[in-house]
Amino acid sequence: MIRALIYLLAITITEAIVILLEPVTGIVTASMIGIACHTVILVVAIIDAALINKYFYERLILSLALIPMIRIISLSLPLADISRI
């Protein structure tokens, strides 16, 4: 259960980084930093779930791994090219 809270805290901190930081000058922007952080969280959660021997904790960690995956997809979509209705 502690692991799930750690993942939730890491996801919350990453979301705060994406929302609160303005784009950094140069090539790196806040969304790129967010994508990198969410990718790290996703990989670590999948590896951690593979190493856990308890069924319910494994399922909990895998369900928490969906959050970074959805956020990576949403941050990488080119929304500037989509016209408004």
PDB file of N, CA and C in Angstrom:
ATOM      1  N   MET A   1       0.812  -1.193   0.000  1.00  0.00           N
ATOM      2  CA  MET A   1       0.000   0.000   0.000  1.00  0.00           C
ATOM      3  C   MET A   1       0.858   1.259   0.000  1.00  0.00           C
ATOM      4  N   ILE A   2       2.005   1.172   0.649  1.00  0.00           N
ATOM      5  CA  ILE A   2       2.926   2.307   0.685  1.00  0.00           C
ATOM      6  C   ILE A   2       3.423   2.612  -0.728  1.00  0.00           C
ATOM      7  N   ARG A   3       3.668   1.562  -1.503  1.00  0.00           N
ATOM      8  CA  ARG A   3       4.137   1.758  -2.877  1.00  0.00           C
ATOM      9  C   ARG A   3       3.113   2.513  -3.707  1.00  0.00           C
ATOM     10  N   ALA A   4       1.852   2.200  -3.524  1.00  0.00           N
ATOM     11  CA  ALA A   4       0.798   2.883  -4.273  1.00  0.00           C
ATOM     12  C   ALA A   4       0.756   4.367  -3.908  1.00  0.00           C
ATOM     13  N   LEU A   5       0.935   4.672  -2.642  1.00  0.00           N
ATOM     14  CA  LEU A   5       0.964   6.076  -2.221  1.00  0.00           C
ATOM     15  C   LEU A   5       2.184   6.795  -2.777  1.00  0.00           C
ATOM     16  N   ILE A   6       3.299   6.102  -2.884  1.00  0.00           N
ATOM     17  CA  ILE A   6       4.504   6.704  -3.467  1.00  0.00           C
ATOM     18  C   ILE A   6       4.280   7.007  -4.943  1.00  0.00           C
ATOM     19  N   TYR A   7       3.629   6.074  -5.650  1.00  0.00           N
ATOM     20  CA  TYR A   7       3.329   6.323  -7.066  1.00  0.00           C
ATOM     21  C   TYR A   7       2.354   7.485  -7.234  1.00  0.00           C
ATOM     22  N   LEU A   8       1.343   7.552  -6.372  1.00  0.00           N
ATOM     23  CA  LEU A   8       0.404   8.670  -6.432  1.00  0.00           C
ATOM     24  C   LEU A   8       1.097   9.998  -6.159  1.00  0.00           C
ATOM     25  N   LEU A   9       2.014  10.010  -5.207  1.00  0.00           N
ATOM     26  CA  LEU A   9       2.771  11.222  -4.910  1.00  0.00           C
ATOM     27  C   LEU A   9       3.653  11.614  -6.087  1.00  0.00           C
ATOM     28  N   ALA A  10       4.301  10.640  -6.723  1.00  0.00           N
ATOM     29  CA  ALA A  10       5.154  10.937  -7.878  1.00  0.00           C
ATOM     30  C   ALA A  10       4.325  11.467  -9.046  1.00  0.00           C
ATOM     31  N   ILE A  11       3.149  10.891  -9.266  1.00  0.00           N
ATOM     32  CA  ILE A  11       2.279  11.369 -10.345  1.00  0.00           C
ATOM     33  C   ILE A  11       1.799  12.784 -10.050  1.00  0.00           C
ATOM     34  N   THR A  12       1.459  13.064  -8.804  1.00  0.00           N
ATOM     35  CA  THR A  12       1.010  14.404  -8.415  1.00  0.00           C
ATOM     36  C   THR A  12       2.110  15.436  -8.593  1.00  0.00           C
ATOM     37  N   ILE A  13       3.322  15.101  -8.201  1.00  0.00           N
ATOM     38  CA  ILE A  13       4.445  16.029  -8.368  1.00  0.00           C
ATOM     39  C   ILE A  13       4.720  16.284  -9.844  1.00  0.00           C
ATOM     40  N   THR A  14       4.641  15.246 -10.654  1.00  0.00           N
ATOM     41  CA  THR A  14       4.858  15.412 -12.087  1.00  0.00           C
ATOM     42  C   THR A  14       3.778  16.286 -12.706  1.00  0.00           C
ATOM     43  N   GLU A  15       2.536  16.106 -12.291  1.00  0.00           N
ATOM     44  CA  GLU A  15       1.457  16.952 -12.799  1.00  0.00           C
ATOM     45  C   GLU A  15       1.660  18.401 -12.370  1.00  0.00           C
ATOM     46  N   ALA A  16       2.135  18.612 -11.158  1.00  0.00           N
ATOM     47  CA  ALA A  16       2.417  19.975 -10.702  1.00  0.00           C
ATOM     48  C   ALA A  16       3.529  20.601 -11.530  1.00  0.00           C
ATOM     49  N   ILE A  17       4.534  19.810 -11.903  1.00  0.00           N
ATOM     50  CA  ILE A  17       5.608  20.320 -12.755  1.00  0.00           C
ATOM     51  C   ILE A  17       5.061  20.738 -14.109  1.00  0.00           C
ATOM     52  N   VAL A  18       4.201  19.913 -14.683  1.00  0.00           N
ATOM     53  CA  VAL A  18       3.656  20.215 -16.007  1.00  0.00           C
ATOM     54  C   VAL A  18       2.759  21.447 -15.963  1.00  0.00           C
ATOM     55  N   ILE A  19       1.932  21.555 -14.931  1.00  0.00           N
ATOM     56  CA  ILE A  19       0.967  22.644 -14.869  1.00  0.00           C
ATOM     57  C   ILE A  19       1.610  23.959 -14.451  1.00  0.00           C
ATOM     58  N   LEU A  20       2.483  23.931 -13.468  1.00  0.00           N
ATOM     59  CA  LEU A  20       2.996  25.165 -12.884  1.00  0.00           C
ATOM     60  C   LEU A  20       4.181  25.767 -13.624  1.00  0.00           C
ATOM     61  N   LEU A  21       4.970  24.940 -14.293  1.00  0.00           N
ATOM     62  CA  LEU A  21       6.145  25.477 -14.966  1.00  0.00           C
ATOM     63  C   LEU A  21       5.775  26.069 -16.317  1.00  0.00           C
ATOM     64  N   GLU A  22       6.270  27.213 -16.571  1.00  0.00           N
ATOM     65  CA  GLU A  22       6.150  27.792 -17.895  1.00  0.00           C
ATOM     66  C   GLU A  22       7.160  27.101 -18.807  1.00  0.00           C
ATOM     67  N   PRO A  23       6.929  27.153 -20.120  1.00  0.00           N
ATOM     68  CA  PRO A  23       7.925  26.538 -21.004  1.00  0.00           C
ATOM     69  C   PRO A  23       9.316  27.147 -20.790  1.00  0.00           C
ATOM     70  N   VAL A  24      10.271  26.268 -20.676  1.00  0.00           N
ATOM     71  CA  VAL A  24      11.649  26.678 -20.438  1.00  0.00           C
ATOM     72  C   VAL A  24      12.244  27.129 -21.765  1.00  0.00           C
ATOM     73  N   THR A  25      13.111  28.113 -21.723  1.00  0.00           N
ATOM     74  CA  THR A  25      13.716  28.599 -22.957  1.00  0.00           C
ATOM     75  C   THR A  25      14.578  27.519 -23.584  1.00  0.00           C
ATOM     76  N   GLY A  26      14.610  27.491 -24.893  1.00  0.00           N
ATOM     77  CA  GLY A  26      15.379  26.479 -25.606  1.00  0.00           C
ATOM     78  C   GLY A  26      14.481  25.366 -26.096  1.00  0.00           C
ATOM     79  N   ILE A  27      15.062  24.184 -26.236  1.00  0.00           N
ATOM     80  CA  ILE A  27      14.343  23.050 -26.809  1.00  0.00           C
ATOM     81  C   ILE A  27      13.413  22.394 -25.791  1.00  0.00           C
ATOM     82  N   VAL A  28      13.817  22.369 -24.529  1.00  0.00           N
ATOM     83  CA  VAL A  28      13.059  21.657 -23.509  1.00  0.00           C
ATOM     84  C   VAL A  28      11.897  22.522 -23.021  1.00  0.00           C
ATOM     85  N   THR A  29      10.697  21.974 -23.002  1.00  0.00           N
ATOM     86  CA  THR A  29       9.539  22.664 -22.454  1.00  0.00           C
ATOM     87  C   THR A  29       9.006  21.891 -21.259  1.00  0.00           C
ATOM     88  N   ALA A  30       8.026  22.472 -20.595  1.00  0.00           N
ATOM     89  CA  ALA A  30       7.453  21.803 -19.423  1.00  0.00           C
ATOM     90  C   ALA A  30       6.758  20.509 -19.818  1.00  0.00           C
ATOM     91  N   SER A  31       6.152  20.468 -21.001  1.00  0.00           N
ATOM     92  CA  SER A  31       5.486  19.232 -21.419  1.00  0.00           C
ATOM     93  C   SER A  31       6.499  18.126 -21.707  1.00  0.00           C
ATOM     94  N   MET A  32       7.674  18.472 -22.233  1.00  0.00           N
ATOM     95  CA  MET A  32       8.708  17.457 -22.466  1.00  0.00           C
ATOM     96  C   MET A  32       9.243  16.913 -21.145  1.00  0.00           C
ATOM     97  N   ILE A  33       9.388  17.790 -20.166  1.00  0.00           N
ATOM     98  CA  ILE A  33       9.810  17.340 -18.843  1.00  0.00           C
ATOM     99  C   ILE A  33       8.750  16.430 -18.244  1.00  0.00           C
ATOM    100  N   GLY A  34       7.475  16.787 -18.423  1.00  0.00           N
ATOM    101  CA  GLY A  34       6.385  15.955 -17.929  1.00  0.00           C
ATOM    102  C   GLY A  34       6.328  14.601 -18.609  1.00  0.00           C
ATOM    103  N   ILE A  35       6.550  14.581 -19.919  1.00  0.00           N
ATOM    104  CA  ILE A  35       6.569  13.309 -20.649  1.00  0.00           C
ATOM    105  C   ILE A  35       7.702  12.424 -20.142  1.00  0.00           C
ATOM    106  N   ALA A  36       8.866  13.006 -19.908  1.00  0.00           N
ATOM    107  CA  ALA A  36      10.003  12.227 -19.406  1.00  0.00           C
ATOM    108  C   ALA A  36       9.717  11.676 -18.006  1.00  0.00           C
ATOM    109  N   CYS A  37       9.152  12.505 -17.132  1.00  0.00           N
ATOM    110  CA  CYS A  37       8.846  12.044 -15.775  1.00  0.00           C
ATOM    111  C   CYS A  37       7.776  10.952 -15.788  1.00  0.00           C
ATOM    112  N   HIS A  38       6.740  11.128 -16.601  1.00  0.00           N
ATOM    113  CA  HIS A  38       5.689  10.114 -16.682  1.00  0.00           C
ATOM    114  C   HIS A  38       6.215   8.811 -17.286  1.00  0.00           C
ATOM    115  N   THR A  39       7.147   8.909 -18.217  1.00  0.00           N
ATOM    116  CA  THR A  39       7.736   7.704 -18.793  1.00  0.00           C
ATOM    117  C   THR A  39       8.520   6.929 -17.743  1.00  0.00           C
ATOM    118  N   VAL A  40       9.272   7.647 -16.925  1.00  0.00           N
ATOM    119  CA  VAL A  40      10.029   6.991 -15.847  1.00  0.00           C
ATOM    120  C   VAL A  40       9.069   6.325 -14.865  1.00  0.00           C
ATOM    121  N   ILE A  41       8.011   7.024 -14.485  1.00  0.00           N
ATOM    122  CA  ILE A  41       7.034   6.449 -13.557  1.00  0.00           C
ATOM    123  C   ILE A  41       6.380   5.209 -14.156  1.00  0.00           C
ATOM    124  N   LEU A  42       6.043   5.266 -15.441  1.00  0.00           N
ATOM    125  CA  LEU A  42       5.407   4.132 -16.119  1.00  0.00           C
ATOM    126  C   LEU A  42       6.312   2.909 -16.139  1.00  0.00           C
ATOM    127  N   VAL A  43       7.569   3.098 -16.504  1.00  0.00           N
ATOM    128  CA  VAL A  43       8.505   1.975 -16.579  1.00  0.00           C
ATOM    129  C   VAL A  43       8.761   1.383 -15.195  1.00  0.00           C
ATOM    130  N   VAL A  44       8.953   2.237 -14.210  1.00  0.00           N
ATOM    131  CA  VAL A  44       9.206   1.751 -12.854  1.00  0.00           C
ATOM    132  C   VAL A  44       7.984   1.015 -12.308  1.00  0.00           C
ATOM    133  N   ALA A  45       6.785   1.513 -12.589  1.00  0.00           N
ATOM    134  CA  ALA A  45       5.568   0.851 -12.098  1.00  0.00           C
ATOM    135  C   ALA A  45       5.380  -0.521 -12.736  1.00  0.00           C
ATOM    136  N   ILE A  46       5.659  -0.629 -14.024  1.00  0.00           N
ATOM    137  CA  ILE A  46       5.518  -1.923 -14.694  1.00  0.00           C
ATOM    138  C   ILE A  46       6.540  -2.927 -14.166  1.00  0.00           C
ATOM    139  N   ILE A  47       7.777  -2.489 -13.987  1.00  0.00           N
ATOM    140  CA  ILE A  47       8.809  -3.379 -13.447  1.00  0.00           C
ATOM    141  C   ILE A  47       8.477  -3.768 -12.007  1.00  0.00           C
ATOM    142  N   ASP A  48       8.002  -2.796 -11.221  1.00  0.00           N
ATOM    143  CA  ASP A  48       7.654  -3.082  -9.834  1.00  0.00           C
ATOM    144  C   ASP A  48       6.488  -4.064  -9.751  1.00  0.00           C
ATOM    145  N   ALA A  49       5.507  -3.912 -10.619  1.00  0.00           N
ATOM    146  CA  ALA A  49       4.370  -4.834 -10.627  1.00  0.00           C
ATOM    147  C   ALA A  49       4.799  -6.242 -11.033  1.00  0.00           C
ATOM    148  N   ALA A  50       5.802  -6.336 -11.889  1.00  0.00           N
ATOM    149  CA  ALA A  50       6.283  -7.654 -12.302  1.00  0.00           C
ATOM    150  C   ALA A  50       7.035  -8.356 -11.166  1.00  0.00           C
ATOM    151  N   LEU A  51       7.607  -7.595 -10.254  1.00  0.00           N
ATOM    152  CA  LEU A  51       8.392  -8.179  -9.172  1.00  0.00           C
ATOM    153  C   LEU A  51       7.576  -8.468  -7.913  1.00  0.00           C
ATOM    154  N   ILE A  52       6.357  -7.926  -7.835  1.00  0.00           N
ATOM    155  CA  ILE A  52       5.510  -8.145  -6.658  1.00  0.00           C
ATOM    156  C   ILE A  52       4.851  -9.516  -6.758  1.00  0.00           C
ATOM    157  N   ASN A  53       4.844 -10.254  -5.664  1.00  0.00           N
ATOM    158  CA  ASN A  53       4.242 -11.585  -5.654  1.00  0.00           C
ATOM    159  C   ASN A  53       2.795 -11.593  -5.177  1.00  0.00           C
ATOM    160  N   LYS A  54       2.309 -10.468  -4.666  1.00  0.00           N
ATOM    161  CA  LYS A  54       0.939 -10.405  -4.167  1.00  0.00           C
ATOM    162  C   LYS A  54       0.006  -9.941  -5.281  1.00  0.00           C
ATOM    163  N   TYR A  55      -1.059 -10.678  -5.499  1.00  0.00           N
ATOM    164  CA  TYR A  55      -1.951 -10.456  -6.636  1.00  0.00           C
ATOM    165  C   TYR A  55      -2.621  -9.085  -6.594  1.00  0.00           C
ATOM    166  N   PHE A  56      -3.188  -8.703  -5.461  1.00  0.00           N
ATOM    167  CA  PHE A  56      -3.950  -7.467  -5.388  1.00  0.00           C
ATOM    168  C   PHE A  56      -3.060  -6.235  -5.475  1.00  0.00           C
ATOM    169  N   TYR A  57      -1.875  -6.297  -4.867  1.00  0.00           N
ATOM    170  CA  TYR A  57      -0.949  -5.173  -4.977  1.00  0.00           C
ATOM    171  C   TYR A  57      -0.426  -5.034  -6.404  1.00  0.00           C
ATOM    172  N   GLU A  58      -0.214  -6.154  -7.055  1.00  0.00           N
ATOM    173  CA  GLU A  58       0.233  -6.129  -8.453  1.00  0.00           C
ATOM    174  C   GLU A  58      -0.811  -5.464  -9.332  1.00  0.00           C
ATOM    175  N   ARG A  59      -2.065  -5.806  -9.143  1.00  0.00           N
ATOM    176  CA  ARG A  59      -3.155  -5.203  -9.921  1.00  0.00           C
ATOM    177  C   ARG A  59      -3.311  -3.719  -9.606  1.00  0.00           C
ATOM    178  N   LEU A  60      -3.099  -3.345  -8.353  1.00  0.00           N
ATOM    179  CA  LEU A  60      -3.197  -1.943  -7.968  1.00  0.00           C
ATOM    180  C   LEU A  60      -2.109  -1.116  -8.651  1.00  0.00           C
ATOM    181  N   ILE A  61      -0.889  -1.606  -8.656  1.00  0.00           N
ATOM    182  CA  ILE A  61       0.217  -0.898  -9.292  1.00  0.00           C
ATOM    183  C   ILE A  61       0.007  -0.825 -10.807  1.00  0.00           C
ATOM    184  N   LEU A  62      -0.480  -1.896 -11.407  1.00  0.00           N
ATOM    185  CA  LEU A  62      -0.745  -1.874 -12.844  1.00  0.00           C
ATOM    186  C   LEU A  62      -1.867  -0.909 -13.199  1.00  0.00           C
ATOM    187  N   SER A  63      -2.863  -0.800 -12.336  1.00  0.00           N
ATOM    188  CA  SER A  63      -3.918   0.167 -12.614  1.00  0.00           C
ATOM    189  C   SER A  63      -3.413   1.597 -12.443  1.00  0.00           C
ATOM    190  N   LEU A  64      -2.474   1.806 -11.537  1.00  0.00           N
ATOM    191  CA  LEU A  64      -1.866   3.132 -11.402  1.00  0.00           C
ATOM    192  C   LEU A  64      -0.944   3.450 -12.579  1.00  0.00           C
ATOM    193  N   ALA A  65      -0.462   2.426 -13.268  1.00  0.00           N
ATOM    194  CA  ALA A  65       0.408   2.652 -14.424  1.00  0.00           C
ATOM    195  C   ALA A  65      -0.363   3.211 -15.618  1.00  0.00           C
ATOM    196  N   LEU A  66      -1.678   3.093 -15.601  1.00  0.00           N
ATOM    197  CA  LEU A  66      -2.473   3.657 -16.693  1.00  0.00           C
ATOM    198  C   LEU A  66      -2.464   5.187 -16.690  1.00  0.00           C
ATOM    199  N   ILE A  67      -2.335   5.785 -15.527  1.00  0.00           N
ATOM    200  CA  ILE A  67      -2.363   7.246 -15.424  1.00  0.00           C
ATOM    201  C   ILE A  67      -1.204   7.885 -16.189  1.00  0.00           C
ATOM    202  N   PRO A  68       0.052   7.457 -15.988  1.00  0.00           N
ATOM    203  CA  PRO A  68       1.132   8.056 -16.780  1.00  0.00           C
ATOM    204  C   PRO A  68       1.005   7.761 -18.271  1.00  0.00           C
ATOM    205  N   MET A  69       0.481   6.586 -18.625  1.00  0.00           N
ATOM    206  CA  MET A  69       0.346   6.253 -20.044  1.00  0.00           C
ATOM    207  C   MET A  69      -0.647   7.190 -20.737  1.00  0.00           C
ATOM    208  N   ILE A  70      -1.764   7.452 -20.089  1.00  0.00           N
ATOM    209  CA  ILE A  70      -2.756   8.371 -20.650  1.00  0.00           C
ATOM    210  C   ILE A  70      -2.190   9.780 -20.731  1.00  0.00           C
ATOM    211  N   ARG A  71      -1.453  10.182 -19.724  1.00  0.00           N
ATOM    212  CA  ARG A  71      -0.888  11.543 -19.719  1.00  0.00           C
ATOM    213  C   ARG A  71       0.207  11.703 -20.772  1.00  0.00           C
ATOM    214  N   ILE A  72       1.003  10.674 -21.015  1.00  0.00           N
ATOM    215  CA  ILE A  72       2.024  10.736 -22.078  1.00  0.00           C
ATOM    216  C   ILE A  72       1.345  10.928 -23.423  1.00  0.00           C
ATOM    217  N   ILE A  73       0.275  10.194 -23.663  1.00  0.00           N
ATOM    218  CA  ILE A  73      -0.449  10.332 -24.928  1.00  0.00           C
ATOM    219  C   ILE A  73      -1.063  11.720 -25.050  1.00  0.00           C
ATOM    220  N   SER A  74      -1.668  12.223 -23.977  1.00  0.00           N
ATOM    221  CA  SER A  74      -2.310  13.532 -24.064  1.00  0.00           C
ATOM    222  C   SER A  74      -1.308  14.668 -24.210  1.00  0.00           C
ATOM    223  N   LEU A  75      -0.128  14.542 -23.624  1.00  0.00           N
ATOM    224  CA  LEU A  75       0.887  15.591 -23.768  1.00  0.00           C
ATOM    225  C   LEU A  75       1.569  15.570 -25.133  1.00  0.00           C
ATOM    226  N   SER A  76       1.562  14.420 -25.779  1.00  0.00           N
ATOM    227  CA  SER A  76       2.253  14.336 -27.062  1.00  0.00           C
ATOM    228  C   SER A  76       1.348  14.613 -28.263  1.00  0.00           C
ATOM    229  N   LEU A  77       0.048  14.790 -28.035  1.00  0.00           N
ATOM    230  CA  LEU A  77      -0.850  15.105 -29.142  1.00  0.00           C
ATOM    231  C   LEU A  77      -0.643  16.538 -29.626  1.00  0.00           C
ATOM    232  N   PRO A  78      -0.589  16.745 -30.922  1.00  0.00           N
ATOM    233  CA  PRO A  78      -0.445  18.115 -31.449  1.00  0.00           C
ATOM    234  C   PRO A  78      -1.792  18.834 -31.502  1.00  0.00           C
ATOM    235  N   LEU A  79      -2.207  19.420 -30.397  1.00  0.00           N
ATOM    236  CA  LEU A  79      -3.524  20.033 -30.321  1.00  0.00           C
ATOM    237  C   LEU A  79      -3.603  21.373 -31.040  1.00  0.00           C
ATOM    238  N   ALA A  80      -2.479  21.964 -31.398  1.00  0.00           N
ATOM    239  CA  ALA A  80      -2.500  23.253 -32.078  1.00  0.00           C
ATOM    240  C   ALA A  80      -3.055  23.115 -33.489  1.00  0.00           C
ATOM    241  N   ASP A  81      -2.968  21.955 -34.098  1.00  0.00           N
ATOM    242  CA  ASP A  81      -3.435  21.773 -35.462  1.00  0.00           C
ATOM    243  C   ASP A  81      -4.922  21.450 -35.547  1.00  0.00           C
ATOM    244  N   ILE A  82      -5.574  21.214 -34.417  1.00  0.00           N
ATOM    245  CA  ILE A  82      -6.990  20.871 -34.415  1.00  0.00           C
ATOM    246  C   ILE A  82      -7.805  22.152 -34.299  1.00  0.00           C
ATOM    247  N   SER A  83      -8.767  22.318 -35.224  1.00  0.00           N
ATOM    248  CA  SER A  83      -9.573  23.530 -35.200  1.00  0.00           C
ATOM    249  C   SER A  83     -10.636  23.431 -34.117  1.00  0.00           C
ATOM    250  N   ARG A  84     -11.040  24.596 -33.607  1.00  0.00           N
ATOM    251  CA  ARG A  84     -12.060  24.638 -32.580  1.00  0.00           C
ATOM    252  C   ARG A  84     -13.432  24.580 -33.218  1.00  0.00           C
ATOM    253  N   ILE A  85     -14.379  24.015 -32.520  1.00  0.00           N
ATOM    254  CA  ILE A  85     -15.745  23.908 -33.063  1.00  0.00           C
ATOM    255  C   ILE A  85     -16.496  25.184 -32.770  1.00  0.00           C
TER     256      ILE A  85
END
